[in-house]
């Protein structure tokens, strides 16, 4: 007689405890301690006492969520968004912008100090508007068969589920105003069941829409979308696949920076926060103290966000970027702005650079703006060039701290550190460091 066994279900009892939050980490979680273990508590602020529930536990730390606040911080504020707590886009609308900035600066300073081995202070914080700052948004689209409705919105935190929205206070007002009419027109399409996502971008010459559709659109659907683009004064681009972009209505977008015009494709990377981007570029130019005799190397240059403004000030600039389309756009924009002292090169900066035609040039100053992975492969070559100063723009404090050690070992010192509050209400930390050779 056969016997069948089934594994016993493991019953986990969620621990609930009372703690006092003492700090806020860089990603916006409250920090508390209980029986020698560090707790990271979502939804609680420094100075608050709360009943919390453990949701993940390790040997030396645990994650918890707030069940009930027993006291509240004077820096707790009412979130401006009705979807806060469900939508995964923002994590810190319950904290004042000043608390968010101080906590990120403190976390950045602590991490850099630990890695460098000596106290390092964040010199200043560059901040702008806490709301209405995002000039780009990618909206998920999902047709709900049971209710026969189109859901449009952002993903929940750590989930693929959509939170359907009708407003978003962190978007630029011009984009926020488009959410409801956009949902209406998309819901009316024959292809409503076969839509991928919608992307809204606010350029200096107006908003644009990129619609990803999974099947060819009918003539009637295309006509509806064109009418929408004209009535809402939105440039319209259709994307039948991840490579193709069909311009239906409106002009190609551009933005102004330091008196220059930078055109871009709707799919090109541009900084989401235009106001902070202006301040960031101005700060980098000032830190580098660019002179007419300088030769600047700009690594991970994109389409020239720093390269082109630098070209107005120095003898020549070389920009290096891994994405060929961005290199082509940078070269186009240099010509558009009559900057003849700029050269762009395409190269994967995670690979060896010694044999590259630009690598032997005599650069006396360097700027780098890498992705989250950092610039560990490129920094040894920068050190060989022996520039007098380097500005490192970072979107990941962990890789910035790691890369800072390489500069430190080569005789460079972190002279100035700025926190860039590029993404208020989120856990993202942007920063900029000026390294000078001893």
Protein backbone atom coordinates (compact mmCIF):
# COMPACT_ATOMS: atom_id res chain seq x y z
CA UNK A 1 0.00 0.00 0.00
CA UNK A 2 1.46 3.31 -1.05
CA UNK A 3 1.78 6.05 1.53
CA UNK A 4 1.81 9.73 0.61
CA UNK A 5 3.47 12.38 2.70
CA UNK A 6 2.99 16.11 2.51
CA UNK A 7 5.35 18.63 4.03
CA UNK A 8 3.93 20.41 7.04
CA UNK A 9 3.13 24.04 6.41
CA UNK A 10 5.45 26.30 8.29
CA UNK A 11 3.43 28.67 10.41
CA UNK A 12 5.16 31.97 10.98
CA UNK A 13 3.96 34.18 13.79
CA UNK A 14 4.49 37.82 13.01
CA UNK A 15 6.21 39.61 15.85
CA UNK A 16 4.67 42.87 17.01
CA UNK A 17 6.69 45.15 19.27
CA UNK A 18 6.92 48.76 20.42
CA UNK A 19 10.00 50.74 19.36
CA UNK A 20 11.24 54.32 19.25
CA UNK A 21 12.64 55.45 15.92
CA UNK A 22 15.94 57.31 16.22
CA UNK A 23 16.96 57.97 12.63
CA UNK A 24 15.88 57.90 8.99
CA UNK A 25 18.05 56.05 6.48
CA UNK A 26 18.79 57.33 2.99
CA UNK A 27 15.87 55.43 1.46
CA UNK A 28 13.34 56.86 3.91
CA UNK A 29 12.96 53.99 6.36
CA UNK A 30 12.89 54.69 10.07
CA UNK A 31 15.76 53.18 12.05
CA UNK A 32 15.17 51.69 15.50
CA UNK A 33 16.88 49.16 17.75
CA UNK A 34 15.40 46.26 19.68
CA UNK A 35 17.42 43.82 21.79
CA UNK A 36 20.62 44.78 19.98
CA UNK A 37 19.13 44.32 16.52
CA UNK A 38 18.71 47.16 14.02
CA UNK A 39 15.16 47.52 12.71
CA UNK A 40 14.33 49.31 9.44
CA UNK A 41 10.77 50.51 9.86
CA UNK A 42 8.68 51.71 6.93
CA UNK A 43 6.24 54.50 7.70
CA UNK A 44 7.89 55.81 10.90
CA UNK A 45 9.97 58.94 11.44
CA UNK A 46 12.70 59.90 13.94
CA UNK A 47 11.32 60.65 17.40
CA UNK A 48 8.18 58.60 16.87
CA UNK A 49 7.15 55.66 19.02
CA UNK A 50 5.31 52.98 17.12
CA UNK A 51 3.93 49.49 17.26
CA UNK A 52 5.64 47.64 14.42
CA UNK A 53 5.36 44.23 12.79
CA UNK A 54 8.44 42.29 11.68
CA UNK A 55 8.16 41.33 8.00
CA UNK A 56 11.72 40.11 7.36
CA UNK A 57 14.33 39.02 9.88
CA UNK A 58 18.06 38.39 9.58
CA UNK A 59 20.69 37.69 12.21
CA UNK A 60 21.69 41.31 12.87
CA UNK A 61 18.81 43.31 11.39
CA UNK A 62 15.14 43.13 10.47
CA UNK A 63 12.55 44.95 8.42
CA UNK A 64 9.28 46.04 9.95
CA UNK A 65 6.21 48.01 9.02
CA UNK A 66 4.32 50.43 11.21
CA UNK A 67 1.07 49.07 12.62
CA UNK A 68 0.18 52.01 14.86
CA UNK A 69 1.85 55.29 15.79
CA UNK A 70 1.92 56.03 19.50
CA UNK A 71 3.47 59.46 19.01
CA UNK A 72 4.10 61.65 15.95
CA UNK A 73 7.04 63.75 14.80
CA UNK A 74 6.60 67.48 14.13
CA UNK A 75 8.22 66.76 10.75
CA UNK A 76 5.44 64.36 9.74
CA UNK A 77 3.35 65.97 6.99
CA UNK A 78 0.19 65.00 5.15
CA UNK A 79 1.02 63.34 1.79
CA UNK A 80 -0.19 65.36 -1.18
CA UNK A 81 -0.98 62.23 -3.20
CA UNK A 82 -4.12 60.15 -2.51
CA UNK A 83 -2.28 57.03 -3.72
CA UNK A 84 0.66 57.36 -1.35
CA UNK A 85 1.22 54.08 0.46
CA UNK A 86 -0.12 52.03 -2.46
CA UNK A 87 1.71 53.46 -5.48
CA UNK A 88 5.37 52.46 -5.52
CA UNK A 89 6.56 55.74 -7.04
CA UNK A 90 7.06 57.67 -3.78
CA UNK A 91 8.15 56.43 -0.37
CA UNK A 92 8.59 59.59 1.71
CA UNK A 93 5.67 61.96 1.23
CA UNK A 94 4.91 61.60 4.96
CA UNK A 95 8.22 63.31 5.82
CA UNK A 96 8.96 67.00 5.38
CA UNK A 97 11.26 67.77 2.43
CA UNK A 98 13.83 69.17 4.87
CA UNK A 99 13.90 65.91 6.85
CA UNK A 100 14.25 63.89 3.65
CA UNK A 101 17.20 65.99 2.53
CA UNK A 102 18.97 65.95 5.91
CA UNK A 103 18.55 62.19 6.19
CA UNK A 104 19.93 61.54 2.72
CA UNK A 105 22.87 63.86 3.34
CA UNK A 106 23.60 62.17 6.68
CA UNK A 107 23.43 58.69 5.15
CA UNK A 108 25.70 59.75 2.26
CA UNK A 109 28.23 61.32 4.63
CA UNK A 110 28.24 58.24 6.87
CA UNK A 111 28.76 55.84 3.95
CA UNK A 112 31.58 57.87 2.40
CA UNK A 113 33.28 58.31 5.80
CA UNK A 114 33.19 54.56 6.42
CA UNK A 115 34.67 53.73 3.02
CA UNK A 116 37.27 56.50 2.94
CA UNK A 117 38.32 55.96 6.54
CA UNK A 118 38.00 59.54 7.73
CA UNK A 119 35.13 61.96 8.41
CA UNK A 120 33.57 63.35 5.24
CA UNK A 121 30.88 66.02 5.33
CA UNK A 122 28.24 66.93 2.75
CA UNK A 123 28.92 70.58 2.06
CA UNK A 124 25.51 71.64 0.79
CA UNK A 125 22.20 70.43 -0.58
CA UNK A 126 20.86 71.54 -3.95
CA UNK A 127 17.07 71.32 -3.90
CA UNK A 128 14.09 72.58 -5.86
CA UNK A 129 10.34 72.09 -5.81
CA UNK A 130 9.19 69.06 -3.82
CA UNK A 131 6.16 68.60 -6.07
CA UNK A 132 5.50 69.21 -9.76
CA UNK A 133 9.09 68.42 -10.72
CA UNK A 134 8.99 65.27 -12.88
CA UNK A 135 9.06 65.98 -16.61
CA UNK A 136 8.86 62.33 -17.60
CA UNK A 137 6.50 59.49 -16.63
CA UNK A 138 6.02 55.96 -17.93
CA UNK A 139 2.47 54.76 -17.31
CA UNK A 140 1.59 51.09 -17.25
CA UNK A 141 -1.54 50.01 -19.16
CA UNK A 142 -3.59 46.92 -18.39
CA UNK A 143 -7.02 45.94 -19.71
CA UNK A 144 -9.07 44.38 -16.91
CA UNK A 145 -11.23 41.79 -18.66
CA UNK A 146 -13.70 41.25 -15.84
CA UNK A 147 -14.63 44.91 -15.49
CA UNK A 148 -13.85 45.65 -19.17
CA UNK A 149 -11.91 48.75 -18.21
CA UNK A 150 -8.43 50.04 -18.96
CA UNK A 151 -6.21 50.55 -15.94
CA UNK A 152 -3.52 53.22 -16.26
CA UNK A 153 -1.01 54.01 -13.58
CA UNK A 154 2.19 53.08 -11.76
CA UNK A 155 3.32 49.81 -10.20
CA UNK A 156 2.86 49.01 -6.57
CA UNK A 157 6.06 48.72 -4.55
CA UNK A 158 7.76 45.33 -5.16
CA UNK A 159 4.84 44.22 -7.34
CA UNK A 160 3.75 44.07 -10.96
CA UNK A 161 0.22 45.15 -9.98
CA UNK A 162 -0.91 48.54 -11.24
CA UNK A 163 -2.30 51.30 -9.07
CA UNK A 164 -4.78 53.10 -11.33
CA UNK A 165 -4.37 56.86 -10.99
CA UNK A 166 -6.11 60.01 -12.17
CA UNK A 167 -3.55 62.47 -10.79
CA UNK A 168 0.11 62.59 -9.79
CA UNK A 169 1.32 65.64 -7.83
CA UNK A 170 5.03 64.99 -8.47
CA UNK A 171 4.50 65.35 -12.24
CA UNK A 172 4.89 68.68 -13.95
CA UNK A 173 1.40 70.27 -13.96
CA UNK A 174 1.24 70.12 -17.77
CA UNK A 175 1.65 66.31 -17.63
CA UNK A 176 -0.65 65.86 -14.63
CA UNK A 177 -3.41 67.65 -16.56
CA UNK A 178 -3.09 65.12 -19.39
CA UNK A 179 -3.72 62.00 -17.28
CA UNK A 180 -7.51 61.97 -17.38
CA UNK A 181 -7.99 62.93 -21.05
CA UNK A 182 -5.28 60.43 -22.01
CA UNK A 183 -7.06 57.64 -20.13
CA UNK A 184 -10.32 58.56 -21.85
CA UNK A 185 -8.92 58.40 -25.36
CA UNK A 186 -6.99 55.18 -24.75
CA UNK A 187 -10.11 53.56 -23.26
CA UNK A 188 -12.02 54.38 -26.44
CA UNK A 189 -9.57 52.67 -28.82
CA UNK A 190 -10.42 49.45 -30.61
CA UNK A 191 -6.94 48.26 -29.58
CA UNK A 192 -7.58 48.93 -25.89
CA UNK A 193 -6.84 45.28 -24.99
CA UNK A 194 -3.46 45.35 -26.76
CA UNK A 195 -1.71 48.43 -25.42
CA UNK A 196 1.70 48.21 -23.73
CA UNK A 197 2.46 51.47 -21.96
CA UNK A 198 2.27 55.22 -22.43
CA UNK A 199 5.12 57.64 -21.84
CA UNK A 200 4.62 61.35 -21.24
CA UNK A 201 7.53 63.78 -21.55
CA UNK A 202 7.50 67.55 -21.11
CA UNK A 203 9.99 69.22 -23.43
CA UNK A 204 10.59 72.96 -23.54
CA UNK A 205 8.50 73.09 -26.74
CA UNK A 206 5.57 71.24 -25.17
CA UNK A 207 4.47 67.79 -24.02
CA UNK A 208 4.74 64.59 -26.02
CA UNK A 209 3.18 61.15 -25.86
CA UNK A 210 4.78 57.85 -26.84
CA UNK A 211 2.24 55.01 -27.08
CA UNK A 212 3.49 51.44 -27.16
CA UNK A 213 0.93 49.25 -28.94
CA UNK A 214 1.23 45.49 -29.36
CA UNK A 215 -0.86 45.13 -32.55
CA UNK A 216 -1.15 47.43 -35.58
CA UNK A 217 -3.62 50.27 -34.98
CA UNK A 218 -6.69 50.66 -37.12
CA UNK A 219 -7.25 53.81 -39.16
CA UNK A 220 -10.01 54.81 -36.73
CA UNK A 221 -7.71 54.46 -33.72
CA UNK A 222 -4.95 56.46 -35.37
CA UNK A 223 -7.46 59.19 -36.19
CA UNK A 224 -8.65 59.34 -32.57
CA UNK A 225 -5.09 59.64 -31.34
CA UNK A 226 -4.30 62.39 -33.84
CA UNK A 227 -7.39 64.32 -32.74
CA UNK A 228 -6.25 63.94 -29.14
CA UNK A 229 -2.77 65.22 -29.98
CA UNK A 230 -4.19 68.30 -31.71
CA UNK A 231 -6.81 69.10 -29.06
CA UNK A 232 -4.33 68.70 -26.20
CA UNK A 233 -1.38 70.16 -28.15
CA UNK A 234 0.71 67.04 -27.56
CA UNK A 235 3.32 65.70 -29.97
CA UNK A 236 2.41 62.09 -30.81
CA UNK A 237 4.77 59.16 -31.37
CA UNK A 238 3.70 55.54 -31.90
CA UNK A 239 5.91 52.60 -30.92
CA UNK A 240 4.82 49.27 -32.49
CA UNK A 241 7.94 47.63 -31.01
CA UNK A 242 10.89 48.46 -28.78
CA UNK A 243 13.03 49.71 -31.69
CA UNK A 244 10.60 51.63 -33.91
CA UNK A 245 9.32 55.13 -33.24
CA UNK A 246 6.81 56.67 -35.64
CA UNK A 247 6.31 60.43 -35.42
CA UNK A 248 2.63 61.19 -36.08
CA UNK A 249 2.17 64.81 -35.00
CA UNK A 250 4.18 67.64 -33.49
CA UNK A 251 7.85 68.61 -33.53
CA UNK A 252 10.91 66.81 -32.19
CA UNK A 253 11.45 67.80 -28.54
CA UNK A 254 14.23 69.92 -27.11
CA UNK A 255 15.25 71.55 -23.84
CA UNK A 256 17.29 74.65 -23.10
CA UNK A 257 20.41 74.42 -20.95
CA UNK A 258 22.96 77.15 -20.24
CA UNK A 259 21.79 79.09 -23.28
CA UNK A 260 22.03 76.02 -25.53
CA UNK A 261 19.36 74.00 -27.32
CA UNK A 262 19.54 70.23 -26.85
CA UNK A 263 17.26 68.22 -29.11
CA UNK A 264 16.46 64.66 -28.11
CA UNK A 265 14.47 61.64 -29.19
CA UNK A 266 11.51 60.72 -26.94
CA UNK A 267 13.41 57.57 -26.01
CA UNK A 268 16.68 59.32 -25.19
CA UNK A 269 17.71 59.63 -21.55
CA UNK A 270 17.25 63.10 -20.10
CA UNK A 271 17.27 64.08 -16.44
CA UNK A 272 13.76 63.76 -15.03
CA UNK A 273 14.08 66.91 -12.91
CA UNK A 274 14.82 69.77 -15.29
CA UNK A 275 15.13 72.42 -12.57
CA UNK A 276 17.72 70.42 -10.63
CA UNK A 277 19.54 69.53 -13.85
CA UNK A 278 20.15 73.23 -14.53
CA UNK A 279 21.56 73.71 -11.02
CA UNK A 280 23.63 70.53 -11.19
CA UNK A 281 25.31 71.51 -14.46
CA UNK A 282 26.02 75.02 -13.17
CA UNK A 283 27.59 73.57 -10.01
CA UNK A 284 29.80 71.19 -12.00
CA UNK A 285 31.00 74.02 -14.25
CA UNK A 286 31.87 76.13 -11.20
CA UNK A 287 33.68 73.30 -9.40
CA UNK A 288 35.80 72.47 -12.45
CA UNK A 289 36.68 76.18 -12.78
CA UNK A 290 36.83 75.75 -16.54
CA UNK A 291 39.29 78.01 -18.36
CA UNK A 292 39.85 78.71 -22.10
CA UNK A 293 43.04 76.60 -22.07
CA UNK A 294 41.46 73.53 -20.42
CA UNK A 295 40.98 70.16 -22.10
CA UNK A 296 38.07 68.26 -20.59
CA UNK A 297 37.19 64.57 -20.77
CA UNK A 298 33.49 63.83 -20.15
CA UNK A 299 32.85 60.12 -19.55
CA UNK A 300 29.39 58.52 -19.64
CA UNK A 301 28.40 61.76 -21.35
CA UNK A 302 24.98 60.75 -22.73
CA UNK A 303 23.92 63.19 -25.39
CA UNK A 304 26.04 65.99 -23.95
CA UNK A 305 24.22 67.32 -20.88
CA UNK A 306 27.58 68.42 -19.41
CA UNK A 307 29.66 68.20 -22.58
CA UNK A 308 27.96 70.99 -24.50
CA UNK A 309 27.92 73.61 -21.70
CA UNK A 310 31.60 72.79 -21.09
CA UNK A 311 32.35 73.43 -24.76
CA UNK A 312 31.44 77.09 -24.30
CA UNK A 313 34.23 77.52 -21.76
CA UNK A 314 37.28 75.43 -22.71
CA UNK A 315 39.73 74.77 -25.51
CA UNK A 316 38.17 71.40 -26.31
CA UNK A 317 35.96 68.67 -24.86
CA UNK A 318 35.85 64.94 -25.58
CA UNK A 319 32.64 63.12 -24.68
CA UNK A 320 32.54 59.32 -24.45
CA UNK A 321 29.30 57.33 -24.23
CA UNK A 322 28.35 53.68 -24.70
CA UNK A 323 25.02 54.22 -26.49
CA UNK A 324 25.58 55.01 -30.17
CA UNK A 325 22.29 56.90 -30.59
CA UNK A 326 23.21 59.29 -27.78
CA UNK A 327 26.66 59.86 -29.29
CA UNK A 328 25.03 60.77 -32.61
CA UNK A 329 22.59 63.11 -30.88
CA UNK A 330 25.41 64.80 -28.95
CA UNK A 331 27.36 65.42 -32.15
CA UNK A 332 24.22 66.78 -33.81
CA UNK A 333 23.57 69.16 -30.92
CA UNK A 334 27.17 70.36 -30.94
CA UNK A 335 26.73 71.34 -34.59
CA UNK A 336 23.31 72.87 -33.90
CA UNK A 337 24.89 75.14 -31.28
CA UNK A 338 28.02 75.94 -33.37
CA UNK A 339 30.36 74.24 -30.92
CA UNK A 340 33.23 73.05 -33.07
CA UNK A 341 35.61 72.17 -30.23
CA UNK A 342 33.70 69.04 -29.11
CA UNK A 343 34.35 65.45 -30.21
CA UNK A 344 32.06 62.54 -29.31
CA UNK A 345 33.11 58.89 -29.23
CA UNK A 346 31.14 55.69 -28.71
CA UNK A 347 32.71 53.13 -26.37
CA UNK A 348 31.57 50.77 -23.63
CA UNK A 349 33.35 52.19 -20.60
CA UNK A 350 33.10 48.89 -18.78
CA UNK A 351 35.74 47.60 -21.22
CA UNK A 352 39.42 48.40 -21.73
CA UNK A 353 39.93 51.95 -23.03
CA UNK A 354 43.70 52.15 -23.61
CA UNK A 355 43.50 51.51 -27.37
CA UNK A 356 40.74 54.07 -27.95
CA UNK A 357 41.71 57.05 -30.17
CA UNK A 358 40.78 59.55 -27.46
CA UNK A 359 42.52 57.77 -24.58
CA UNK A 360 45.99 59.28 -25.03
CA UNK A 361 44.84 62.89 -25.16
CA UNK A 362 46.26 65.29 -22.59
CA UNK A 363 43.20 66.09 -20.50
CA UNK A 364 43.73 68.23 -17.43
CA UNK A 365 40.16 67.95 -16.10
CA UNK A 366 37.62 65.10 -16.07
CA UNK A 367 33.90 64.79 -15.46
CA UNK A 368 32.10 61.47 -15.17
CA UNK A 369 28.39 60.68 -14.73
CA UNK A 370 28.08 56.87 -14.67
CA UNK A 371 25.01 54.69 -14.23
CA UNK A 372 24.29 52.88 -10.95
CA UNK A 373 27.09 50.36 -11.56
CA UNK A 374 29.64 53.13 -11.10
CA UNK A 375 32.93 53.63 -12.96
CA UNK A 376 35.41 51.16 -11.46
CA UNK A 377 36.70 50.08 -14.88
CA UNK A 378 37.23 53.64 -16.17
CA UNK A 379 38.81 55.21 -13.09
CA UNK A 380 42.25 53.54 -13.44
CA UNK A 381 42.59 55.19 -16.85
CA UNK A 382 41.48 58.54 -15.44
CA UNK A 383 44.23 58.24 -12.85
CA UNK A 384 46.79 57.55 -15.60
CA UNK A 385 45.79 60.84 -17.22
CA UNK A 386 46.59 62.57 -13.89
CA UNK A 387 44.00 65.36 -14.21
CA UNK A 388 44.20 68.14 -11.66
CA UNK A 389 40.49 67.83 -10.80
CA UNK A 390 37.65 65.35 -11.32
CA UNK A 391 33.92 65.87 -10.82
CA UNK A 392 32.03 62.63 -10.19
CA UNK A 393 28.22 62.77 -10.53
CA UNK A 394 26.64 59.76 -8.85
CA UNK A 395 23.19 58.16 -8.70
CA UNK A 396 24.31 55.37 -6.34
CA UNK A 397 26.07 56.17 -3.04
CA UNK A 398 27.36 52.60 -2.70
CA UNK A 399 29.35 52.61 -5.94
CA UNK A 400 30.41 56.21 -5.34
CA UNK A 401 31.91 55.15 -1.99
CA UNK A 402 33.67 52.19 -3.63
CA UNK A 403 35.06 54.32 -6.47
CA UNK A 404 36.14 57.05 -4.05
CA UNK A 405 38.57 54.60 -2.47
CA UNK A 406 40.31 54.17 -5.83
CA UNK A 407 40.76 57.93 -6.21
CA UNK A 408 41.95 58.21 -2.61
CA UNK A 409 44.58 55.51 -3.10
CA UNK A 410 45.88 57.39 -6.15
CA UNK A 411 46.40 60.62 -4.24
CA UNK A 412 43.11 62.41 -4.88
CA UNK A 413 41.06 63.99 -2.11
CA UNK A 414 37.30 64.62 -1.95
CA UNK A 415 37.35 68.40 -1.72
CA UNK A 416 33.61 69.12 -1.97
CA UNK A 417 30.46 67.01 -1.72
CA UNK A 418 26.94 68.09 -2.65
CA UNK A 419 23.66 66.24 -2.27
CA UNK A 420 21.34 66.73 -5.24
CA UNK A 421 17.69 66.35 -4.21
CA UNK A 422 16.83 65.20 -7.73
CA UNK A 423 13.94 62.92 -6.73
CA UNK A 424 12.01 64.27 -3.71
CA UNK A 425 9.84 61.75 -1.83
CA UNK A 426 11.83 58.77 -3.13
CA UNK A 427 14.78 56.79 -1.80
CA UNK A 428 17.01 57.76 -4.74
CA UNK A 429 20.16 59.67 -3.76
CA UNK A 430 22.04 61.78 -6.31
CA UNK A 431 25.27 63.47 -5.35
CA UNK A 432 28.33 65.14 -6.78
CA UNK A 433 31.93 65.04 -5.53
CA UNK A 434 34.92 67.15 -6.53
CA UNK A 435 38.21 65.24 -6.32
CA UNK A 436 41.47 67.21 -6.44
CA UNK A 437 44.96 65.85 -6.84
CA UNK A 438 47.25 66.43 -3.88
